[in-house]
N, C-alpha and C. Protein backbone atom coordinates (compact mmCIF):
# COMPACT_ATOMS: atom_id res chain seq x y z
N UNK A 1 0.85 -1.17 0.00
CA UNK A 1 0.00 0.00 0.00
C UNK A 1 0.90 1.24 0.00
N UNK A 2 0.60 2.21 -0.87
CA UNK A 2 1.40 3.44 -0.91
C UNK A 2 1.31 4.21 0.41
N UNK A 3 2.33 4.97 0.70
CA UNK A 3 2.37 5.71 1.95
C UNK A 3 1.40 6.87 2.02
N UNK A 4 0.94 7.38 0.86
CA UNK A 4 0.08 8.56 0.86
C UNK A 4 -1.41 8.22 0.94
N UNK A 5 -1.77 6.92 1.03
CA UNK A 5 -3.17 6.55 1.18
C UNK A 5 -3.65 6.91 2.58
N UNK A 6 -4.87 7.43 2.65
CA UNK A 6 -5.47 7.76 3.94
C UNK A 6 -6.26 6.55 4.42
N UNK A 7 -6.32 6.38 5.75
CA UNK A 7 -7.12 5.31 6.31
C UNK A 7 -8.12 5.90 7.29
N UNK A 8 -9.30 5.31 7.32
CA UNK A 8 -10.27 5.74 8.32
C UNK A 8 -10.04 4.96 9.61
N UNK A 9 -10.92 5.11 10.56
CA UNK A 9 -10.74 4.51 11.88
C UNK A 9 -10.65 2.99 11.81
N UNK A 10 -11.41 2.37 10.90
CA UNK A 10 -11.44 0.92 10.80
C UNK A 10 -10.28 0.37 9.97
N UNK A 11 -9.46 1.23 9.37
CA UNK A 11 -8.29 0.76 8.64
C UNK A 11 -8.50 0.64 7.15
N UNK A 12 -9.71 0.93 6.63
CA UNK A 12 -9.90 0.85 5.18
C UNK A 12 -9.44 2.16 4.54
N UNK A 13 -9.06 2.09 3.28
CA UNK A 13 -8.52 3.25 2.56
C UNK A 13 -9.65 4.20 2.21
N UNK A 14 -9.44 5.50 2.48
CA UNK A 14 -10.45 6.51 2.20
C UNK A 14 -10.16 7.16 0.84
N UNK A 15 -11.22 7.54 0.13
CA UNK A 15 -11.07 8.24 -1.14
C UNK A 15 -10.64 9.68 -0.86
N UNK A 16 -10.07 10.35 -1.88
CA UNK A 16 -9.64 11.73 -1.70
C UNK A 16 -10.81 12.70 -1.69
N UNK A 17 -11.83 12.43 -2.50
CA UNK A 17 -12.98 13.31 -2.64
C UNK A 17 -14.28 12.52 -2.46
N UNK A 18 -15.30 13.19 -1.95
CA UNK A 18 -16.63 12.59 -1.83
C UNK A 18 -17.61 13.54 -2.50
N UNK A 19 -18.50 12.99 -3.31
CA UNK A 19 -19.56 13.77 -3.95
C UNK A 19 -20.86 13.45 -3.23
N UNK A 20 -21.55 14.52 -2.79
CA UNK A 20 -22.78 14.38 -2.02
C UNK A 20 -23.88 15.19 -2.69
N UNK A 21 -25.08 14.60 -2.79
CA UNK A 21 -26.23 15.27 -3.38
C UNK A 21 -27.37 15.28 -2.38
N UNK A 22 -27.99 16.45 -2.18
CA UNK A 22 -29.15 16.57 -1.30
C UNK A 22 -30.38 16.08 -2.05
N UNK A 23 -31.00 14.99 -1.59
CA UNK A 23 -32.12 14.38 -2.28
C UNK A 23 -33.45 14.55 -1.57
N UNK A 24 -33.44 14.86 -0.29
CA UNK A 24 -34.69 15.06 0.44
C UNK A 24 -34.66 16.43 1.10
N UNK A 25 -35.85 17.00 1.27
CA UNK A 25 -35.97 18.34 1.81
C UNK A 25 -35.58 18.39 3.28
N UNK A 26 -35.07 19.54 3.67
CA UNK A 26 -34.71 19.76 5.07
C UNK A 26 -35.89 20.30 5.87
N UNK A 27 -37.03 20.50 5.23
CA UNK A 27 -38.23 20.96 5.94
C UNK A 27 -38.61 19.91 6.98
N UNK A 28 -38.85 20.34 8.18
CA UNK A 28 -39.20 19.43 9.26
C UNK A 28 -38.00 18.89 10.02
N UNK A 29 -36.81 19.17 9.55
CA UNK A 29 -35.60 18.74 10.25
C UNK A 29 -35.28 19.71 11.37
N UNK A 30 -34.47 19.25 12.31
CA UNK A 30 -34.09 20.12 13.41
C UNK A 30 -33.12 21.20 12.92
N UNK A 31 -32.96 22.22 13.72
CA UNK A 31 -32.06 23.32 13.36
C UNK A 31 -30.62 22.83 13.25
N UNK A 32 -30.26 21.84 14.05
CA UNK A 32 -28.90 21.30 14.03
C UNK A 32 -28.61 20.60 12.69
N UNK A 33 -29.58 19.86 12.19
CA UNK A 33 -29.41 19.18 10.90
C UNK A 33 -29.36 20.20 9.77
N UNK A 34 -30.19 21.21 9.83
CA UNK A 34 -30.16 22.28 8.81
C UNK A 34 -28.81 22.97 8.79
N UNK A 35 -28.27 23.25 9.96
CA UNK A 35 -26.96 23.90 10.05
C UNK A 35 -25.87 23.00 9.48
N UNK A 36 -25.99 21.69 9.70
CA UNK A 36 -25.02 20.74 9.15
C UNK A 36 -25.06 20.76 7.63
N UNK A 37 -26.27 20.79 7.05
CA UNK A 37 -26.40 20.84 5.59
C UNK A 37 -25.80 22.11 5.02
N UNK A 38 -26.03 23.23 5.67
CA UNK A 38 -25.45 24.50 5.22
C UNK A 38 -23.93 24.45 5.31
N UNK A 39 -23.43 23.86 6.38
CA UNK A 39 -21.98 23.71 6.55
C UNK A 39 -21.35 22.84 5.47
N UNK A 40 -22.12 21.90 4.96
CA UNK A 40 -21.65 21.03 3.89
C UNK A 40 -21.79 21.69 2.52
N UNK A 41 -22.53 22.80 2.47
CA UNK A 41 -22.74 23.49 1.20
C UNK A 41 -23.98 23.02 0.46
N UNK A 42 -24.84 22.26 1.13
CA UNK A 42 -26.06 21.75 0.51
C UNK A 42 -27.23 22.62 0.93
N UNK A 43 -27.61 23.56 0.06
CA UNK A 43 -28.64 24.53 0.41
C UNK A 43 -29.93 24.33 -0.37
N UNK A 44 -29.90 23.62 -1.48
CA UNK A 44 -31.10 23.40 -2.30
C UNK A 44 -31.19 21.94 -2.69
N UNK A 45 -32.41 21.49 -2.98
CA UNK A 45 -32.61 20.11 -3.42
C UNK A 45 -31.83 19.83 -4.69
N UNK A 46 -31.33 18.63 -4.81
CA UNK A 46 -30.57 18.15 -5.97
C UNK A 46 -29.25 18.89 -6.19
N UNK A 47 -28.81 19.66 -5.22
CA UNK A 47 -27.51 20.31 -5.32
C UNK A 47 -26.43 19.29 -5.00
N UNK A 48 -25.38 19.29 -5.80
CA UNK A 48 -24.28 18.35 -5.62
C UNK A 48 -23.01 19.11 -5.29
N UNK A 49 -22.30 18.64 -4.28
CA UNK A 49 -21.02 19.23 -3.91
C UNK A 49 -19.97 18.13 -3.81
N UNK A 50 -18.73 18.49 -4.11
CA UNK A 50 -17.61 17.57 -3.96
C UNK A 50 -16.69 18.16 -2.91
N UNK A 51 -16.42 17.37 -1.89
CA UNK A 51 -15.61 17.83 -0.77
C UNK A 51 -14.49 16.84 -0.48
N UNK A 52 -13.48 17.32 0.20
CA UNK A 52 -12.36 16.49 0.63
C UNK A 52 -12.86 15.49 1.68
N UNK A 53 -12.40 14.28 1.57
CA UNK A 53 -12.81 13.22 2.48
C UNK A 53 -12.00 13.30 3.77
N UNK A 54 -12.63 13.79 4.83
CA UNK A 54 -11.99 13.90 6.13
C UNK A 54 -12.89 13.25 7.18
N UNK A 55 -12.34 12.90 8.32
CA UNK A 55 -13.19 12.35 9.38
C UNK A 55 -14.30 13.31 9.82
N UNK A 56 -14.02 14.60 9.81
CA UNK A 56 -15.04 15.58 10.19
C UNK A 56 -16.19 15.58 9.19
N UNK A 57 -15.86 15.52 7.91
CA UNK A 57 -16.90 15.50 6.89
C UNK A 57 -17.69 14.20 6.95
N UNK A 58 -17.01 13.09 7.25
CA UNK A 58 -17.71 11.80 7.40
C UNK A 58 -18.71 11.88 8.56
N UNK A 59 -18.35 12.57 9.62
CA UNK A 59 -19.26 12.74 10.75
C UNK A 59 -20.48 13.55 10.37
N UNK A 60 -20.27 14.59 9.56
CA UNK A 60 -21.40 15.39 9.09
C UNK A 60 -22.32 14.54 8.20
N UNK A 61 -21.72 13.71 7.35
CA UNK A 61 -22.51 12.82 6.50
C UNK A 61 -23.36 11.87 7.33
N UNK A 62 -22.79 11.33 8.37
CA UNK A 62 -23.51 10.40 9.22
C UNK A 62 -24.73 11.07 9.85
N UNK A 63 -24.60 12.36 10.13
CA UNK A 63 -25.69 13.11 10.76
C UNK A 63 -26.88 13.32 9.81
N UNK A 64 -26.59 13.44 8.51
CA UNK A 64 -27.65 13.75 7.53
C UNK A 64 -27.83 12.64 6.50
N UNK A 65 -27.43 11.42 6.83
CA UNK A 65 -27.44 10.34 5.86
C UNK A 65 -28.83 10.03 5.31
N UNK A 66 -29.88 10.38 6.04
CA UNK A 66 -31.24 10.10 5.57
C UNK A 66 -31.72 11.13 4.55
N UNK A 67 -30.95 12.19 4.31
CA UNK A 67 -31.34 13.24 3.37
C UNK A 67 -30.48 13.30 2.12
N UNK A 68 -29.36 12.60 2.10
CA UNK A 68 -28.39 12.76 1.02
C UNK A 68 -28.07 11.42 0.35
N UNK A 69 -27.47 11.54 -0.85
CA UNK A 69 -26.92 10.40 -1.57
C UNK A 69 -25.43 10.65 -1.72
N UNK A 70 -24.61 9.63 -1.39
CA UNK A 70 -23.15 9.78 -1.38
C UNK A 70 -22.55 8.94 -2.52
N UNK A 71 -21.64 9.57 -3.27
CA UNK A 71 -20.87 8.87 -4.29
C UNK A 71 -19.41 9.10 -3.98
N UNK A 72 -18.65 8.03 -3.86
CA UNK A 72 -17.23 8.19 -3.52
C UNK A 72 -16.37 8.21 -4.76
C-alpha cells in the first residue's frame, strides 16, 4: 500500500474526494441538521457538492445520511 493513502478509523482506505447530493428536503428537520447541511454546502434540493474526504466531513454525512446520496 502506498504511503500517501489515507485510512479511516477501521483501517480501510479513504477516497480523496466525496460527492454528495441533497435528495430530500430539510423541511421538518431540526435546526442542528439544517446547520449541518449549510456547513456542507447543501442549500437546495438536488444540489451536488464535492468535498475532501476527512473524518469531520464523514461525521457530518452520518448526521444527515437520511437526506443525502453519497458517491465516492
